[in-house]
């Protein structure tokens, strides 16, 4: 196997990325302290072509050398917005028709592998502080909670690792549902033409 050269990866320009259709998935960071974690979330959100990132409370905002160190420029491509209080972001997302999901270990949480995306639905995932997690009042305001099953002694993951796992799983579920709907729509049109 030969590693691909950077030119072979067919990367979009910043302008092409901004103009590209985004997956209707928003990441909300609830009081995340580490600028490196913030940068990592931006970079992963860029990789999956997500709609935007909401930075809340003590979560730092670009421009920042420390965010840039892990974002590698994704802070300039992924749309973002700052909220002094995470509840303001949750209310705005609900008002815009998003299903808001806390990524947290709570009673009645949905295990990540059980998540089923609904066609045409828009989602927001809330990730919490490295020590305290997602605030309880924010959890209470969410439509559901997603939990990553864990089997070892530790019962937590770094927030940027959690973000990567959850963004992958939810974006795949959303893309598969969209693809299935598109195929069904085309089949239905073809059948109705006959």
Protein backbone atom coordinates (compact mmCIF):
# COMPACT_ATOMS: atom_id res chain seq x y z
CA UNK A 1 0.00 0.00 0.00
CA UNK A 2 1.15 3.49 -0.86
CA UNK A 3 0.12 6.50 1.19
CA UNK A 4 -1.73 9.04 -0.90
CA UNK A 5 -0.11 12.39 -1.56
CA UNK A 6 -1.95 15.45 -0.28
CA UNK A 7 -2.84 16.44 -3.85
CA UNK A 8 -4.58 13.08 -4.37
CA UNK A 9 -7.04 13.72 -1.53
CA UNK A 10 -9.03 16.23 -3.61
CA UNK A 11 -9.55 18.62 -0.75
CA UNK A 12 -12.06 21.42 -1.11
CA UNK A 13 -10.96 25.01 -0.92
CA UNK A 14 -12.33 27.14 1.92
CA UNK A 15 -14.80 28.69 -0.54
CA UNK A 16 -15.90 25.27 -1.85
CA UNK A 17 -16.38 24.02 1.72
CA UNK A 18 -18.48 27.03 2.68
CA UNK A 19 -20.64 26.56 -0.42
CA UNK A 20 -20.98 22.77 0.00
CA UNK A 21 -24.19 21.22 1.29
CA UNK A 22 -23.79 20.52 4.99
CA UNK A 23 -25.20 17.66 7.02
CA UNK A 24 -27.93 19.17 9.24
CA UNK A 25 -26.04 18.28 12.40
CA UNK A 26 -24.90 20.89 14.94
CA UNK A 27 -22.38 20.34 17.74
CA UNK A 28 -22.91 22.28 20.97
CA UNK A 29 -20.03 22.58 23.43
CA UNK A 30 -21.32 23.22 26.97
CA UNK A 31 -18.51 24.87 28.96
CA UNK A 32 -15.60 22.94 27.45
CA UNK A 33 -12.40 24.28 29.02
CA UNK A 34 -9.63 22.87 26.83
CA UNK A 35 -8.86 24.89 23.73
CA UNK A 36 -7.26 21.76 22.25
CA UNK A 37 -10.58 19.92 22.65
CA UNK A 38 -12.40 22.83 21.00
CA UNK A 39 -9.97 22.75 18.07
CA UNK A 40 -10.35 19.01 17.72
CA UNK A 41 -14.14 19.34 17.56
CA UNK A 42 -13.82 21.94 14.80
CA UNK A 43 -11.51 19.66 12.82
CA UNK A 44 -13.86 16.68 13.15
CA UNK A 45 -16.91 18.81 12.29
CA UNK A 46 -15.08 19.88 9.13
CA UNK A 47 -14.21 16.26 8.27
CA UNK A 48 -17.88 15.24 8.37
CA UNK A 49 -19.09 18.49 6.73
CA UNK A 50 -21.38 19.41 9.62
CA UNK A 51 -23.55 22.49 9.68
CA UNK A 52 -21.95 24.37 12.59
CA UNK A 53 -20.54 24.39 16.11
CA UNK A 54 -22.08 26.31 19.02
CA UNK A 55 -19.59 27.46 21.65
CA UNK A 56 -21.19 28.09 25.04
CA UNK A 57 -20.23 29.54 28.41
CA UNK A 58 -16.51 29.27 29.18
CA UNK A 59 -15.82 27.52 25.85
CA UNK A 60 -13.19 29.59 24.04
CA UNK A 61 -13.82 31.03 20.58
CA UNK A 62 -11.56 31.57 17.58
CA UNK A 63 -9.27 33.20 16.79
CA UNK A 64 -6.91 31.39 19.14
CA UNK A 65 -3.47 29.90 18.59
CA UNK A 66 -4.36 27.00 20.90
CA UNK A 67 -7.60 26.20 19.04
CA UNK A 68 -5.75 26.49 15.72
CA UNK A 69 -3.10 24.02 16.93
CA UNK A 70 -5.62 21.14 16.76
CA UNK A 71 -8.22 22.61 14.36
CA UNK A 72 -5.57 23.23 11.67
CA UNK A 73 -7.74 25.86 10.01
CA UNK A 74 -11.13 24.17 10.47
CA UNK A 75 -12.09 27.04 12.76
CA UNK A 76 -12.07 29.13 9.58
CA UNK A 77 -14.23 26.73 7.55
CA UNK A 78 -16.85 25.47 10.00
CA UNK A 79 -19.53 28.02 10.87
CA UNK A 80 -19.72 28.77 14.59
CA UNK A 81 -21.65 30.92 17.02
CA UNK A 82 -21.03 31.86 20.66
CA UNK A 83 -23.69 31.78 23.41
CA UNK A 84 -23.05 33.05 26.94
CA UNK A 85 -25.44 30.35 28.22
CA UNK A 86 -25.93 26.91 26.70
CA UNK A 87 -29.69 27.15 27.36
CA UNK A 88 -29.87 30.01 24.83
CA UNK A 89 -28.39 27.70 22.19
CA UNK A 90 -30.82 24.90 23.12
CA UNK A 91 -33.83 27.24 22.88
CA UNK A 92 -32.67 28.60 19.52
CA UNK A 93 -32.11 25.10 18.15
CA UNK A 94 -35.52 23.90 19.35
CA UNK A 95 -37.18 26.97 17.85
CA UNK A 96 -35.47 26.15 14.53
CA UNK A 97 -36.85 22.59 14.62
CA UNK A 98 -33.78 20.62 15.71
CA UNK A 99 -33.96 17.49 17.83
CA UNK A 100 -31.50 18.21 20.63
CA UNK A 101 -29.58 15.29 22.11
CA UNK A 102 -27.32 15.42 25.17
CA UNK A 103 -24.32 13.13 24.94
CA UNK A 104 -24.35 12.05 28.55
CA UNK A 105 -24.78 9.10 30.90
CA UNK A 106 -28.31 9.55 32.22
CA UNK A 107 -31.28 7.40 33.19
CA UNK A 108 -33.14 6.33 30.06
CA UNK A 109 -30.33 7.28 27.67
CA UNK A 110 -30.24 5.74 24.23
CA UNK A 111 -27.13 3.65 23.56
CA UNK A 112 -25.30 5.15 20.61
CA UNK A 113 -25.61 2.03 18.42
CA UNK A 114 -29.42 2.17 18.85
CA UNK A 115 -29.75 5.68 17.42
CA UNK A 116 -32.02 5.83 14.37
CA UNK A 117 -32.01 9.02 12.32
CA UNK A 118 -35.36 10.17 11.01
CA UNK A 119 -35.44 11.27 7.35
CA UNK A 120 -35.35 15.04 6.97
CA UNK A 121 -34.73 15.57 10.68
CA UNK A 122 -32.10 18.02 11.92
CA UNK A 123 -30.08 17.16 15.02
CA UNK A 124 -27.93 18.93 17.60
CA UNK A 125 -25.53 17.06 19.87
CA UNK A 126 -24.52 18.63 23.19
CA UNK A 127 -21.14 17.70 24.65
CA UNK A 128 -20.21 18.80 28.13
CA UNK A 129 -17.42 20.00 30.35
CA UNK A 130 -14.43 17.68 30.75
CA UNK A 131 -15.14 17.14 34.47
CA UNK A 132 -18.83 17.92 35.05
CA UNK A 133 -20.32 16.81 31.74
CA UNK A 134 -23.47 18.42 30.33
CA UNK A 135 -25.21 20.66 32.88
CA UNK A 136 -28.32 19.07 34.42
CA UNK A 137 -30.65 21.90 33.34
CA UNK A 138 -29.36 21.47 29.78
CA UNK A 139 -29.92 17.70 29.95
CA UNK A 140 -33.46 18.40 31.20
CA UNK A 141 -34.12 20.62 28.17
CA UNK A 142 -32.97 17.98 25.66
CA UNK A 143 -35.24 15.69 23.67
CA UNK A 144 -33.13 12.60 24.41
CA UNK A 145 -29.68 11.57 25.60
CA UNK A 146 -27.16 9.43 23.77
CA UNK A 147 -24.63 7.35 25.66
CA UNK A 148 -21.52 5.60 24.37
CA UNK A 149 -21.43 2.09 25.88
CA UNK A 150 -18.17 1.56 27.79
CA UNK A 151 -16.85 -1.72 29.15
CA UNK A 152 -13.67 -0.93 31.10
CA UNK A 153 -12.93 0.51 34.52
CA UNK A 154 -13.20 4.12 33.39
CA UNK A 155 -16.64 5.45 32.62
CA UNK A 156 -15.73 8.54 30.67
CA UNK A 157 -13.88 9.54 27.54
CA UNK A 158 -12.11 12.75 26.59
CA UNK A 159 -14.68 15.15 25.12
CA UNK A 160 -12.88 15.32 21.77
CA UNK A 161 -12.80 11.52 21.55
CA UNK A 162 -16.48 11.39 22.47
CA UNK A 163 -17.20 14.04 19.83
CA UNK A 164 -15.42 12.03 17.14
CA UNK A 165 -17.25 8.80 17.97
CA UNK A 166 -20.67 10.44 18.18
CA UNK A 167 -20.21 12.63 15.08
CA UNK A 168 -19.21 9.55 13.07
CA UNK A 169 -22.08 7.37 14.30
CA UNK A 170 -24.83 10.01 14.01
CA UNK A 171 -23.60 11.37 10.66
CA UNK A 172 -23.49 7.83 9.24
CA UNK A 173 -27.02 7.13 10.48
CA UNK A 174 -28.23 10.40 8.93
CA UNK A 175 -26.46 9.80 5.61
CA UNK A 176 -27.73 6.21 5.35
CA UNK A 177 -31.29 7.36 6.01
CA UNK A 178 -30.94 10.16 3.42
CA UNK A 179 -29.49 7.75 0.87
CA UNK A 180 -32.26 5.23 1.50
CA UNK A 181 -34.89 7.96 1.07
CA UNK A 182 -33.24 9.12 -2.16
CA UNK A 183 -33.16 5.58 -3.58
CA UNK A 184 -36.79 4.99 -2.56
CA UNK A 185 -37.84 8.27 -4.16
CA UNK A 186 -36.12 7.38 -7.43
CA UNK A 187 -37.63 3.89 -7.43
CA UNK A 188 -41.09 5.32 -6.76
CA UNK A 189 -40.74 7.78 -9.64
CA UNK A 190 -39.56 5.02 -11.98
CA UNK A 191 -42.46 2.76 -11.00
CA UNK A 192 -45.01 5.54 -11.44
CA UNK A 193 -43.68 6.24 -14.95
CA UNK A 194 -44.48 2.70 -16.06
